[in-house]
Amino acid sequence: MKAKSIKGKSPEEISAAIQQSMADGFMPTLAIVFISIKQDIKAICDILDKQDISIFGATSCGEFIDGEISYGGIAILLLDMKKADFKILIENYQIGKEEVVAKAMGLSALESFKNPSFLISNSLVVAKMLDMESSIKGLES
């Protein structure tokens, strides 16, 4: 598996960086994206979708890449993993139901992989914080 990191301050810069990263035959299948809410998230998704690159992403309050932190930009780690080697699960949840949702997602992952690993991203609910301990308990069960 190869990985390349790219960054930019606009969808146009990201599009150019993706093309440049692929110039040597690199064919990414997964993008781990950290993006400022100031950016055009839909445009970035469209760029990656056109290249058939799956997206795992989160908005951020600072984007880090190659030991550098920026604010208001886009940082992406491109990976050329086999599509059969990863699965992106997205579920809606409510406060107080984190354990149930996490358990269901864990069971779904076990149907696809013998020894799954997880990258977890969740949205922030301003009124109440999510109980991540319950989420971990759900995955463990």
C-alpha atoms as a PDB file:
ATOM      1  CA  MET A   1       0.000   0.000   0.000  1.00  0.00           C
ATOM      2  CA  LYS A   2       1.226   3.464  -0.891  1.00  0.00           C
ATOM      3  CA  ALA A   3       0.158   6.725   0.696  1.00  0.00           C
ATOM      4  CA  LYS A   4       0.588  10.323  -0.371  1.00  0.00           C
ATOM      5  CA  SER A   5      -0.434  13.444   1.490  1.00  0.00           C
ATOM      6  CA  ILE A   6      -1.721  16.536  -0.258  1.00  0.00           C
ATOM      7  CA  LYS A   7      -2.990  19.896   0.888  1.00  0.00           C
ATOM      8  CA  GLY A   8      -4.612  22.973  -0.519  1.00  0.00           C
ATOM      9  CA  LYS A   9      -6.597  26.097   0.186  1.00  0.00           C
ATOM     10  CA  SER A  10      -9.240  25.564  -2.501  1.00  0.00           C
ATOM     11  CA  PRO A  11     -10.947  22.803  -4.483  1.00  0.00           C
ATOM     12  CA  GLU A  12      -8.856  23.820  -7.499  1.00  0.00           C
ATOM     13  CA  GLU A  13      -5.594  23.333  -5.574  1.00  0.00           C
ATOM     14  CA  ILE A  14      -6.781  19.928  -4.336  1.00  0.00           C
ATOM     15  CA  SER A  15      -7.798  18.850  -7.844  1.00  0.00           C
ATOM     16  CA  ALA A  16      -4.360  19.813  -9.173  1.00  0.00           C
ATOM     17  CA  ALA A  17      -2.616  18.064  -6.265  1.00  0.00           C
ATOM     18  CA  ILE A  18      -4.582  14.852  -6.888  1.00  0.00           C
ATOM     19  CA  GLN A  19      -3.667  14.916 -10.579  1.00  0.00           C
ATOM     20  CA  GLN A  20      -0.012  15.529  -9.728  1.00  0.00           C
ATOM     21  CA  SER A  21      -0.015  12.671  -7.181  1.00  0.00           C
ATOM     22  CA  MET A  22      -1.406  10.311  -9.827  1.00  0.00           C
ATOM     23  CA  ALA A  23       1.050  11.334 -12.566  1.00  0.00           C
ATOM     24  CA  ASP A  24       3.388   8.446 -11.676  1.00  0.00           C
ATOM     25  CA  GLY A  25       0.626   5.813 -11.875  1.00  0.00           C
ATOM     26  CA  PHE A  26      -0.481   6.063  -8.229  1.00  0.00           C
ATOM     27  CA  MET A  27      -4.178   5.148  -8.087  1.00  0.00           C
ATOM     28  CA  PRO A  28      -5.681   6.087  -4.710  1.00  0.00           C
ATOM     29  CA  THR A  29      -8.877   4.367  -3.588  1.00  0.00           C
ATOM     30  CA  LEU A  30      -9.330   5.997  -0.174  1.00  0.00           C
ATOM     31  CA  ALA A  31      -8.962   9.581   1.029  1.00  0.00           C
ATOM     32  CA  ILE A  32      -8.775  10.523   4.691  1.00  0.00           C
ATOM     33  CA  VAL A  33      -9.862  14.152   4.591  1.00  0.00           C
ATOM     34  CA  PHE A  34      -9.593  16.906   7.174  1.00  0.00           C
ATOM     35  CA  ILE A  35     -11.300  20.046   5.938  1.00  0.00           C
ATOM     36  CA  SER A  36     -12.211  23.423   7.357  1.00  0.00           C
ATOM     37  CA  ILE A  37     -15.891  24.373   7.445  1.00  0.00           C
ATOM     38  CA  LYS A  38     -14.784  27.453   5.480  1.00  0.00           C
ATOM     39  CA  GLN A  39     -14.154  25.225   2.454  1.00  0.00           C
ATOM     40  CA  ASP A  40     -16.564  23.961  -0.192  1.00  0.00           C
ATOM     41  CA  ILE A  41     -16.987  20.442   1.178  1.00  0.00           C
ATOM     42  CA  LYS A  42     -19.317  19.360  -1.644  1.00  0.00           C
ATOM     43  CA  ALA A  43     -16.769  20.430  -4.279  1.00  0.00           C
ATOM     44  CA  ILE A  44     -14.047  18.354  -2.593  1.00  0.00           C
ATOM     45  CA  CYS A  45     -16.386  15.345  -2.408  1.00  0.00           C
ATOM     46  CA  ASP A  46     -17.229  15.767  -6.106  1.00  0.00           C
ATOM     47  CA  ILE A  47     -13.528  15.879  -7.055  1.00  0.00           C
ATOM     48  CA  LEU A  48     -12.797  12.674  -5.127  1.00  0.00           C
ATOM     49  CA  ASP A  49     -15.979  10.955  -6.360  1.00  0.00           C
ATOM     50  CA  LYS A  50     -15.005  11.641  -9.995  1.00  0.00           C
ATOM     51  CA  GLN A  51     -11.763   9.750  -9.365  1.00  0.00           C
ATOM     52  CA  ASP A  52     -13.681   6.883  -7.655  1.00  0.00           C
ATOM     53  CA  ILE A  53     -11.892   7.605  -4.379  1.00  0.00           C
ATOM     54  CA  SER A  54     -13.819   6.659  -1.231  1.00  0.00           C
ATOM     55  CA  ILE A  55     -13.943   9.359   1.441  1.00  0.00           C
ATOM     56  CA  PHE A  56     -13.470   9.183   5.195  1.00  0.00           C
ATOM     57  CA  GLY A  57     -13.574  12.739   6.402  1.00  0.00           C
ATOM     58  CA  ALA A  58     -14.168  15.225   9.120  1.00  0.00           C
ATOM     59  CA  THR A  59     -14.333  18.947   9.484  1.00  0.00           C
ATOM     60  CA  SER A  60     -11.620  20.304  11.681  1.00  0.00           C
ATOM     61  CA  CYS A  61     -10.387  23.351  13.543  1.00  0.00           C
ATOM     62  CA  GLY A  62      -6.928  22.934  12.073  1.00  0.00           C
ATOM     63  CA  GLU A  63      -5.529  20.726   9.349  1.00  0.00           C
ATOM     64  CA  PHE A  64      -2.238  18.938   9.924  1.00  0.00           C
ATOM     65  CA  ILE A  65       0.031  17.458   7.273  1.00  0.00           C
ATOM     66  CA  ASP A  66       3.739  16.652   7.148  1.00  0.00           C
ATOM     67  CA  GLY A  67       4.390  18.290  10.529  1.00  0.00           C
ATOM     68  CA  GLU A  68       2.623  21.498   9.525  1.00  0.00           C
ATOM     69  CA  ILE A  69      -0.672  22.881  10.840  1.00  0.00           C
ATOM     70  CA  SER A  70      -2.887  25.154   8.769  1.00  0.00           C
ATOM     71  CA  TYR A  71      -6.228  26.775   9.443  1.00  0.00           C
ATOM     72  CA  GLY A  72      -9.016  27.107   6.909  1.00  0.00           C
ATOM     73  CA  GLY A  73      -7.554  24.637   4.453  1.00  0.00           C
ATOM     74  CA  ILE A  74      -7.784  21.042   3.296  1.00  0.00           C
ATOM     75  CA  ALA A  75      -5.424  18.167   4.174  1.00  0.00           C
ATOM     76  CA  ILE A  76      -5.855  14.751   2.571  1.00  0.00           C
ATOM     77  CA  LEU A  77      -4.063  11.442   2.966  1.00  0.00           C
ATOM     78  CA  LEU A  78      -4.508   9.423  -0.235  1.00  0.00           C
ATOM     79  CA  LEU A  79      -4.161   5.634   0.037  1.00  0.00           C
ATOM     80  CA  ASP A  80      -4.126   2.962  -2.667  1.00  0.00           C
ATOM     81  CA  MET A  81      -5.722   0.233  -0.506  1.00  0.00           C
ATOM     82  CA  LYS A  82      -7.674  -2.604  -2.095  1.00  0.00           C
ATOM     83  CA  LYS A  83     -11.369  -1.691  -1.885  1.00  0.00           C
ATOM     84  CA  ALA A  84     -12.042  -5.125  -0.385  1.00  0.00           C
ATOM     85  CA  ASP A  85      -9.761  -4.229   2.547  1.00  0.00           C
ATOM     86  CA  PHE A  86     -11.843  -1.374   3.961  1.00  0.00           C
ATOM     87  CA  LYS A  87     -15.445  -0.419   4.550  1.00  0.00           C
ATOM     88  CA  ILE A  88     -16.906   2.943   5.496  1.00  0.00           C
ATOM     89  CA  LEU A  89     -19.882   2.724   7.842  1.00  0.00           C
ATOM     90  CA  ILE A  90     -22.155   5.695   8.486  1.00  0.00           C
ATOM     91  CA  GLU A  91     -24.971   5.637  11.010  1.00  0.00           C
ATOM     92  CA  ASN A  92     -27.263   8.173  12.618  1.00  0.00           C
ATOM     93  CA  TYR A  93     -27.487   8.152  16.390  1.00  0.00           C
ATOM     94  CA  GLN A  94     -29.127   9.962  19.264  1.00  0.00           C
ATOM     95  CA  ILE A  95     -27.659  10.982  22.601  1.00  0.00           C
ATOM     96  CA  GLY A  96     -27.957   7.977  24.900  1.00  0.00           C
ATOM     97  CA  LYS A  97     -27.963   5.455  22.023  1.00  0.00           C
ATOM     98  CA  GLU A  98     -24.235   5.476  21.249  1.00  0.00           C
ATOM     99  CA  GLU A  99     -23.604   1.979  22.624  1.00  0.00           C
ATOM    100  CA  VAL A 100     -26.403   0.404  20.571  1.00  0.00           C
ATOM    101  CA  VAL A 101     -25.257   2.080  17.347  1.00  0.00           C
ATOM    102  CA  ALA A 102     -21.590   1.211  17.958  1.00  0.00           C
ATOM    103  CA  LYS A 103     -22.450  -2.429  18.643  1.00  0.00           C
ATOM    104  CA  ALA A 104     -24.421  -2.658  15.379  1.00  0.00           C
ATOM    105  CA  MET A 105     -21.534  -1.110  13.461  1.00  0.00           C
ATOM    106  CA  GLY A 106     -19.080  -3.494  15.120  1.00  0.00           C
ATOM    107  CA  LEU A 107     -21.201  -6.480  14.135  1.00  0.00           C
ATOM    108  CA  SER A 108     -21.383  -5.167  10.570  1.00  0.00           C
ATOM    109  CA  ALA A 109     -17.581  -4.876  10.495  1.00  0.00           C
ATOM    110  CA  LEU A 110     -17.209  -8.435  11.797  1.00  0.00           C
ATOM    111  CA  GLU A 111     -19.352  -9.678   8.905  1.00  0.00           C
ATOM    112  CA  SER A 112     -16.813  -8.177   6.490  1.00  0.00           C
ATOM    113  CA  PHE A 113     -13.479  -8.680   8.277  1.00  0.00           C
ATOM    114  CA  LYS A 114     -11.981 -11.288  10.593  1.00  0.00           C
ATOM    115  CA  ASN A 115     -10.046  -8.741  12.705  1.00  0.00           C
ATOM    116  CA  PRO A 116     -11.460  -5.288  11.970  1.00  0.00           C
ATOM    117  CA  SER A 117      -9.839  -2.033  13.046  1.00  0.00           C
ATOM    118  CA  PHE A 118     -11.720   1.220  13.359  1.00  0.00           C
ATOM    119  CA  LEU A 119     -11.224   4.899  12.595  1.00  0.00           C
ATOM    120  CA  ILE A 120     -14.055   6.750  14.282  1.00  0.00           C
ATOM    121  CA  SER A 121     -15.367  10.200  13.536  1.00  0.00           C
ATOM    122  CA  ASN A 122     -18.492  11.649  15.037  1.00  0.00           C
ATOM    123  CA  SER A 123     -20.398  14.876  14.911  1.00  0.00           C
ATOM    124  CA  LEU A 124     -20.513  17.198  17.866  1.00  0.00           C
ATOM    125  CA  VAL A 125     -23.848  17.989  19.410  1.00  0.00           C
ATOM    126  CA  VAL A 126     -23.557  21.418  20.963  1.00  0.00           C
ATOM    127  CA  ALA A 127     -26.175  20.903  23.701  1.00  0.00           C
ATOM    128  CA  LYS A 128     -24.691  17.610  24.948  1.00  0.00           C
ATOM    129  CA  MET A 129     -21.449  15.797  24.369  1.00  0.00           C
ATOM    130  CA  LEU A 130     -21.497  12.263  23.058  1.00  0.00           C
ATOM    131  CA  ASP A 131     -20.604   9.476  25.445  1.00  0.00           C
ATOM    132  CA  MET A 132     -17.597   7.984  23.662  1.00  0.00           C
ATOM    133  CA  GLU A 133     -17.095   5.481  26.497  1.00  0.00           C
ATOM    134  CA  SER A 134     -20.473   3.983  25.597  1.00  0.00           C
ATOM    135  CA  SER A 135     -19.410   3.842  21.953  1.00  0.00           C
ATOM    136  CA  ILE A 136     -16.270   1.933  22.879  1.00  0.00           C
ATOM    137  CA  LYS A 137     -18.291  -0.458  25.069  1.00  0.00           C
ATOM    138  CA  GLY A 138     -20.637  -1.058  22.137  1.00  0.00           C
ATOM    139  CA  LEU A 139     -17.734  -1.896  19.832  1.00  0.00           C
ATOM    140  CA  GLU A 140     -16.185  -4.181  22.420  1.00  0.00           C
ATOM    141  CA  SER A 141     -19.430  -6.089  22.901  1.00  0.00           C
END
